[in-house]
Amino acid sequence: MSKLEERIQNELRRNQINFEIQKPVPLDNYPWKTSRTTTSTKCDIYLHDFDLYVEIKGFMTYQAVSKLSYLSRQDFKYYIFQGTEYEWNPFIDTNISIDNSIKPVQCET
């Protein structure tokens, strides 16, 4: 577990938000699956009350961007938390809210 993941989990506990770690995402097939793949793709944190899968990244590689791009376009709520953004402030007093009217942005290919 990274220090960033630990900090976020501590904040979730402090705010009494139910979560699970390393929960498989609801996909049977994905582009990076091979015949030798034995486990499913997992998210870093799953927020039960929001039915939200969260991936925490301290930095991004090309492979991570491709994988996360694919996962964010699937039929489930998937949030990518990029922790190296200079304006990110872990002490902002805001709450997660459920708003089903917000739809993910689709990129044109």
N, C-alpha and C. Protein backbone atom coordinates (compact mmCIF):
# COMPACT_ATOMS: atom_id res chain seq x y z
N MET A 1 0.84 -1.17 0.00
CA MET A 1 0.00 0.00 0.00
C MET A 1 0.90 1.24 0.00
N SER A 2 0.55 2.20 -0.84
CA SER A 2 1.32 3.44 -0.91
C SER A 2 0.94 4.36 0.26
N LYS A 3 1.78 5.35 0.50
CA LYS A 3 1.48 6.33 1.55
C LYS A 3 0.23 7.12 1.21
N LEU A 4 0.04 7.41 -0.07
CA LEU A 4 -1.16 8.13 -0.49
C LEU A 4 -2.42 7.30 -0.22
N GLU A 5 -2.38 6.01 -0.55
CA GLU A 5 -3.53 5.13 -0.27
C GLU A 5 -3.81 5.09 1.23
N GLU A 6 -2.76 5.01 2.02
CA GLU A 6 -2.92 4.99 3.47
C GLU A 6 -3.55 6.27 3.98
N ARG A 7 -3.12 7.41 3.46
CA ARG A 7 -3.71 8.70 3.88
C ARG A 7 -5.19 8.77 3.53
N ILE A 8 -5.54 8.31 2.34
CA ILE A 8 -6.94 8.35 1.93
C ILE A 8 -7.77 7.39 2.77
N GLN A 9 -7.26 6.20 3.03
CA GLN A 9 -7.99 5.26 3.88
C GLN A 9 -8.18 5.82 5.28
N ASN A 10 -7.18 6.49 5.81
CA ASN A 10 -7.31 7.11 7.13
C ASN A 10 -8.39 8.18 7.14
N GLU A 11 -8.48 8.97 6.06
CA GLU A 11 -9.52 10.00 5.97
C GLU A 11 -10.90 9.35 5.87
N LEU A 12 -11.01 8.27 5.12
CA LEU A 12 -12.29 7.57 5.02
C LEU A 12 -12.72 7.04 6.38
N ARG A 13 -11.79 6.45 7.11
CA ARG A 13 -12.11 5.94 8.46
C ARG A 13 -12.52 7.10 9.38
N ARG A 14 -11.74 8.18 9.32
CA ARG A 14 -12.02 9.34 10.18
C ARG A 14 -13.43 9.88 9.92
N ASN A 15 -13.86 9.81 8.68
CA ASN A 15 -15.19 10.31 8.30
C ASN A 15 -16.25 9.21 8.30
N GLN A 16 -15.90 8.05 8.82
CA GLN A 16 -16.80 6.91 8.96
C GLN A 16 -17.48 6.54 7.64
N ILE A 17 -16.66 6.48 6.58
CA ILE A 17 -17.15 6.07 5.27
C ILE A 17 -16.75 4.61 5.07
N ASN A 18 -17.74 3.76 4.80
CA ASN A 18 -17.49 2.34 4.58
C ASN A 18 -16.72 2.13 3.29
N PHE A 19 -15.68 1.30 3.35
CA PHE A 19 -14.92 1.00 2.15
C PHE A 19 -14.30 -0.38 2.26
N GLU A 20 -13.89 -0.87 1.10
CA GLU A 20 -13.22 -2.16 0.99
C GLU A 20 -11.98 -1.93 0.12
N ILE A 21 -10.90 -2.63 0.41
CA ILE A 21 -9.71 -2.47 -0.40
C ILE A 21 -9.52 -3.68 -1.32
N GLN A 22 -8.90 -3.41 -2.46
CA GLN A 22 -8.57 -4.44 -3.45
C GLN A 22 -9.79 -5.25 -3.91
N LYS A 23 -10.89 -4.56 -4.16
CA LYS A 23 -12.11 -5.23 -4.64
C LYS A 23 -12.02 -5.39 -6.16
N PRO A 24 -12.33 -6.58 -6.66
CA PRO A 24 -12.35 -6.77 -8.12
C PRO A 24 -13.40 -5.88 -8.79
N VAL A 25 -13.03 -5.30 -9.91
CA VAL A 25 -14.00 -4.51 -10.68
C VAL A 25 -14.89 -5.48 -11.45
N PRO A 26 -16.13 -5.09 -11.74
CA PRO A 26 -17.08 -6.01 -12.38
C PRO A 26 -16.86 -6.19 -13.89
N LEU A 27 -15.74 -6.81 -14.25
CA LEU A 27 -15.43 -7.10 -15.65
C LEU A 27 -14.97 -8.54 -15.77
N ASP A 28 -15.45 -9.23 -16.79
CA ASP A 28 -14.96 -10.57 -17.05
C ASP A 28 -13.82 -10.55 -18.06
N ASN A 29 -13.91 -9.66 -19.03
CA ASN A 29 -12.89 -9.56 -20.07
C ASN A 29 -12.39 -8.13 -20.17
N TYR A 30 -11.13 -7.99 -20.48
CA TYR A 30 -10.51 -6.68 -20.64
C TYR A 30 -9.29 -6.83 -21.54
N PRO A 31 -8.86 -5.77 -22.22
CA PRO A 31 -7.81 -5.88 -23.23
C PRO A 31 -6.48 -6.43 -22.73
N TRP A 32 -6.12 -6.23 -21.49
CA TRP A 32 -4.84 -6.68 -20.98
C TRP A 32 -4.90 -8.09 -20.37
N LYS A 33 -6.05 -8.73 -20.46
CA LYS A 33 -6.18 -10.09 -19.94
C LYS A 33 -5.48 -11.06 -20.90
N THR A 34 -4.74 -11.98 -20.33
CA THR A 34 -4.04 -13.00 -21.14
C THR A 34 -4.47 -14.38 -20.68
N SER A 35 -4.01 -15.39 -21.37
CA SER A 35 -4.34 -16.76 -20.98
C SER A 35 -3.70 -17.12 -19.64
N ARG A 36 -2.69 -16.37 -19.22
CA ARG A 36 -2.01 -16.63 -17.95
C ARG A 36 -2.57 -15.78 -16.80
N THR A 37 -3.51 -14.91 -17.09
CA THR A 37 -4.11 -14.08 -16.05
C THR A 37 -4.94 -14.96 -15.11
N THR A 38 -4.63 -14.90 -13.82
CA THR A 38 -5.35 -15.76 -12.86
C THR A 38 -6.27 -14.96 -11.93
N THR A 39 -6.09 -13.66 -11.86
CA THR A 39 -6.95 -12.86 -11.00
C THR A 39 -7.60 -11.75 -11.81
N SER A 40 -8.70 -11.23 -11.31
CA SER A 40 -9.38 -10.14 -11.99
C SER A 40 -8.72 -8.80 -11.63
N THR A 41 -9.04 -7.80 -12.40
CA THR A 41 -8.54 -6.45 -12.13
C THR A 41 -9.20 -5.93 -10.87
N LYS A 42 -8.41 -5.32 -10.01
CA LYS A 42 -8.93 -4.82 -8.73
C LYS A 42 -8.75 -3.31 -8.64
N CYS A 43 -9.62 -2.69 -7.86
CA CYS A 43 -9.48 -1.27 -7.57
C CYS A 43 -8.80 -1.11 -6.21
N ASP A 44 -8.26 0.06 -5.94
CA ASP A 44 -7.60 0.29 -4.66
C ASP A 44 -8.61 0.40 -3.52
N ILE A 45 -9.72 1.09 -3.79
CA ILE A 45 -10.75 1.29 -2.75
C ILE A 45 -12.12 1.19 -3.41
N TYR A 46 -13.03 0.53 -2.74
CA TYR A 46 -14.42 0.48 -3.17
C TYR A 46 -15.26 1.11 -2.07
N LEU A 47 -16.05 2.12 -2.45
CA LEU A 47 -16.92 2.81 -1.49
C LEU A 47 -18.32 2.20 -1.59
N HIS A 48 -18.68 1.39 -0.59
CA HIS A 48 -19.94 0.65 -0.59
C HIS A 48 -21.15 1.56 -0.77
N ASP A 49 -21.24 2.60 0.03
CA ASP A 49 -22.44 3.43 0.04
C ASP A 49 -22.64 4.20 -1.26
N PHE A 50 -21.61 4.31 -2.08
CA PHE A 50 -21.69 5.06 -3.32
C PHE A 50 -21.56 4.16 -4.55
N ASP A 51 -21.35 2.87 -4.33
CA ASP A 51 -21.11 1.92 -5.41
C ASP A 51 -20.06 2.48 -6.36
N LEU A 52 -18.93 2.91 -5.78
CA LEU A 52 -17.89 3.61 -6.52
C LEU A 52 -16.54 2.91 -6.35
N TYR A 53 -15.93 2.58 -7.48
CA TYR A 53 -14.60 1.98 -7.51
C TYR A 53 -13.58 3.11 -7.65
N VAL A 54 -12.54 3.10 -6.83
CA VAL A 54 -11.56 4.19 -6.82
C VAL A 54 -10.16 3.62 -7.05
N GLU A 55 -9.45 4.23 -7.98
CA GLU A 55 -8.05 3.90 -8.22
C GLU A 55 -7.22 5.09 -7.78
N ILE A 56 -6.20 4.84 -6.99
CA ILE A 56 -5.35 5.90 -6.47
C ILE A 56 -3.99 5.80 -7.15
N LYS A 57 -3.57 6.90 -7.76
CA LYS A 57 -2.30 6.92 -8.46
C LYS A 57 -1.47 8.10 -7.98
N GLY A 58 -0.25 7.81 -7.57
CA GLY A 58 0.68 8.87 -7.21
C GLY A 58 1.33 9.47 -8.44
N PHE A 59 1.50 8.67 -9.47
CA PHE A 59 2.00 9.13 -10.76
C PHE A 59 1.45 8.19 -11.82
N MET A 60 1.49 8.63 -13.06
CA MET A 60 0.90 7.85 -14.14
C MET A 60 1.96 7.39 -15.13
N THR A 61 1.84 6.15 -15.55
CA THR A 61 2.63 5.63 -16.64
C THR A 61 1.71 5.52 -17.86
N TYR A 62 2.29 5.32 -19.02
CA TYR A 62 1.49 5.17 -20.22
C TYR A 62 0.53 3.97 -20.08
N GLN A 63 1.04 2.87 -19.53
CA GLN A 63 0.20 1.68 -19.35
C GLN A 63 -0.94 1.96 -18.37
N ALA A 64 -0.66 2.67 -17.30
CA ALA A 64 -1.70 3.00 -16.32
C ALA A 64 -2.77 3.89 -16.94
N VAL A 65 -2.37 4.87 -17.74
CA VAL A 65 -3.33 5.76 -18.40
C VAL A 65 -4.24 4.96 -19.31
N SER A 66 -3.67 4.04 -20.09
CA SER A 66 -4.47 3.22 -21.00
C SER A 66 -5.47 2.36 -20.24
N LYS A 67 -5.01 1.71 -19.20
CA LYS A 67 -5.87 0.84 -18.40
C LYS A 67 -6.98 1.64 -17.73
N LEU A 68 -6.62 2.76 -17.12
CA LEU A 68 -7.62 3.56 -16.42
C LEU A 68 -8.61 4.20 -17.39
N SER A 69 -8.14 4.56 -18.57
CA SER A 69 -9.04 5.09 -19.59
C SER A 69 -10.09 4.05 -19.96
N TYR A 70 -9.65 2.83 -20.17
CA TYR A 70 -10.58 1.76 -20.50
C TYR A 70 -11.59 1.54 -19.36
N LEU A 71 -11.10 1.45 -18.14
CA LEU A 71 -11.99 1.19 -17.00
C LEU A 71 -12.98 2.32 -16.76
N SER A 72 -12.57 3.55 -17.00
CA SER A 72 -13.47 4.68 -16.76
C SER A 72 -14.59 4.76 -17.78
N ARG A 73 -14.49 4.02 -18.88
CA ARG A 73 -15.54 4.02 -19.90
C ARG A 73 -16.48 2.82 -19.78
N GLN A 74 -16.37 2.06 -18.71
CA GLN A 74 -17.23 0.88 -18.52
C GLN A 74 -18.52 1.26 -17.82
N ASP A 75 -19.39 0.28 -17.67
CA ASP A 75 -20.74 0.53 -17.13
C ASP A 75 -20.76 0.39 -15.61
N PHE A 76 -19.86 1.07 -14.94
CA PHE A 76 -19.87 1.15 -13.48
C PHE A 76 -19.13 2.43 -13.10
N LYS A 77 -19.35 2.89 -11.89
CA LYS A 77 -18.72 4.14 -11.45
C LYS A 77 -17.26 3.87 -11.07
N TYR A 78 -16.37 4.57 -11.75
CA TYR A 78 -14.93 4.37 -11.56
C TYR A 78 -14.27 5.73 -11.48
N TYR A 79 -13.60 5.99 -10.38
CA TYR A 79 -12.97 7.29 -10.16
C TYR A 79 -11.46 7.11 -10.06
N ILE A 80 -10.73 7.96 -10.73
CA ILE A 80 -9.27 7.93 -10.69
C ILE A 80 -8.80 9.11 -9.85
N PHE A 81 -8.13 8.82 -8.76
CA PHE A 81 -7.60 9.85 -7.88
C PHE A 81 -6.11 10.00 -8.18
N GLN A 82 -5.75 11.10 -8.82
CA GLN A 82 -4.35 11.38 -9.18
C GLN A 82 -3.78 12.29 -8.10
N GLY A 83 -2.92 11.75 -7.26
CA GLY A 83 -2.46 12.46 -6.07
C GLY A 83 -1.29 13.39 -6.23
N THR A 84 -0.70 13.52 -7.41
CA THR A 84 0.45 14.41 -7.54
C THR A 84 0.08 15.77 -8.09
N GLU A 85 -1.19 16.02 -8.31
CA GLU A 85 -1.60 17.34 -8.78
C GLU A 85 -1.27 18.36 -7.71
N TYR A 86 -0.59 19.44 -8.10
CA TYR A 86 -0.11 20.41 -7.11
C TYR A 86 -1.23 21.10 -6.36
N GLU A 87 -2.40 21.22 -6.97
CA GLU A 87 -3.49 21.91 -6.28
C GLU A 87 -4.30 20.99 -5.37
N TRP A 88 -3.99 19.68 -5.35
CA TRP A 88 -4.74 18.79 -4.49
C TRP A 88 -4.49 19.10 -3.03
N ASN A 89 -5.56 19.25 -2.29
CA ASN A 89 -5.46 19.57 -0.87
C ASN A 89 -6.29 18.53 -0.11
N PRO A 90 -5.65 17.64 0.65
CA PRO A 90 -6.40 16.59 1.35
C PRO A 90 -7.22 17.11 2.52
N PHE A 91 -7.09 18.38 2.83
CA PHE A 91 -7.78 18.92 3.99
C PHE A 91 -8.98 19.80 3.63
N ILE A 92 -9.37 19.81 2.36
CA ILE A 92 -10.56 20.55 1.95
C ILE A 92 -11.76 19.85 2.59
N ASP A 93 -12.63 20.61 3.20
CA ASP A 93 -13.76 20.04 3.92
C ASP A 93 -14.96 19.87 2.98
N THR A 94 -14.92 18.81 2.16
CA THR A 94 -16.03 18.52 1.27
C THR A 94 -16.42 17.06 1.44
N ASN A 95 -17.60 16.73 0.97
CA ASN A 95 -18.10 15.37 1.08
C ASN A 95 -18.40 14.82 -0.30
N ILE A 96 -18.32 13.53 -0.44
CA ILE A 96 -18.73 12.86 -1.67
C ILE A 96 -20.25 12.85 -1.67
N SER A 97 -20.84 13.12 -2.82
CA SER A 97 -22.29 13.05 -2.91
C SER A 97 -22.67 12.16 -4.08
N ILE A 98 -23.83 11.59 -3.99
CA ILE A 98 -24.32 10.74 -5.07
C ILE A 98 -25.14 11.62 -5.99
N ASP A 99 -24.69 11.74 -7.24
CA ASP A 99 -25.40 12.52 -8.23
C ASP A 99 -25.40 11.73 -9.53
N ASN A 100 -26.48 11.02 -9.77
CA ASN A 100 -26.54 10.16 -10.95
C ASN A 100 -26.71 10.94 -12.24
N SER A 101 -26.92 12.25 -12.16
CA SER A 101 -27.05 13.05 -13.37
C SER A 101 -25.69 13.34 -14.00
N ILE A 102 -24.60 13.16 -13.25
CA ILE A 102 -23.26 13.40 -13.77
C ILE A 102 -22.84 12.19 -14.58
N LYS A 103 -22.50 12.42 -15.82
CA LYS A 103 -22.06 11.35 -16.70
C LYS A 103 -20.60 11.55 -17.04
N PRO A 104 -19.85 10.45 -17.20
CA PRO A 104 -18.45 10.59 -17.57
C PRO A 104 -18.29 11.19 -18.96
N VAL A 105 -17.22 11.92 -19.16
CA VAL A 105 -16.93 12.52 -20.46
C VAL A 105 -16.43 11.43 -21.40
N GLN A 106 -16.99 11.38 -22.57
CA GLN A 106 -16.56 10.41 -23.59
C GLN A 106 -15.63 11.11 -24.56
N CYS A 107 -14.48 10.53 -24.79
CA CYS A 107 -13.51 11.09 -25.74
C CYS A 107 -13.82 10.58 -27.14
N GLU A 108 -13.71 11.46 -28.11
CA GLU A 108 -13.89 11.07 -29.50
C GLU A 108 -12.63 10.39 -29.98
N THR A 109 -12.78 9.31 -30.72
CA THR A 109 -11.60 8.64 -31.28
C THR A 109 -11.57 8.76 -32.78
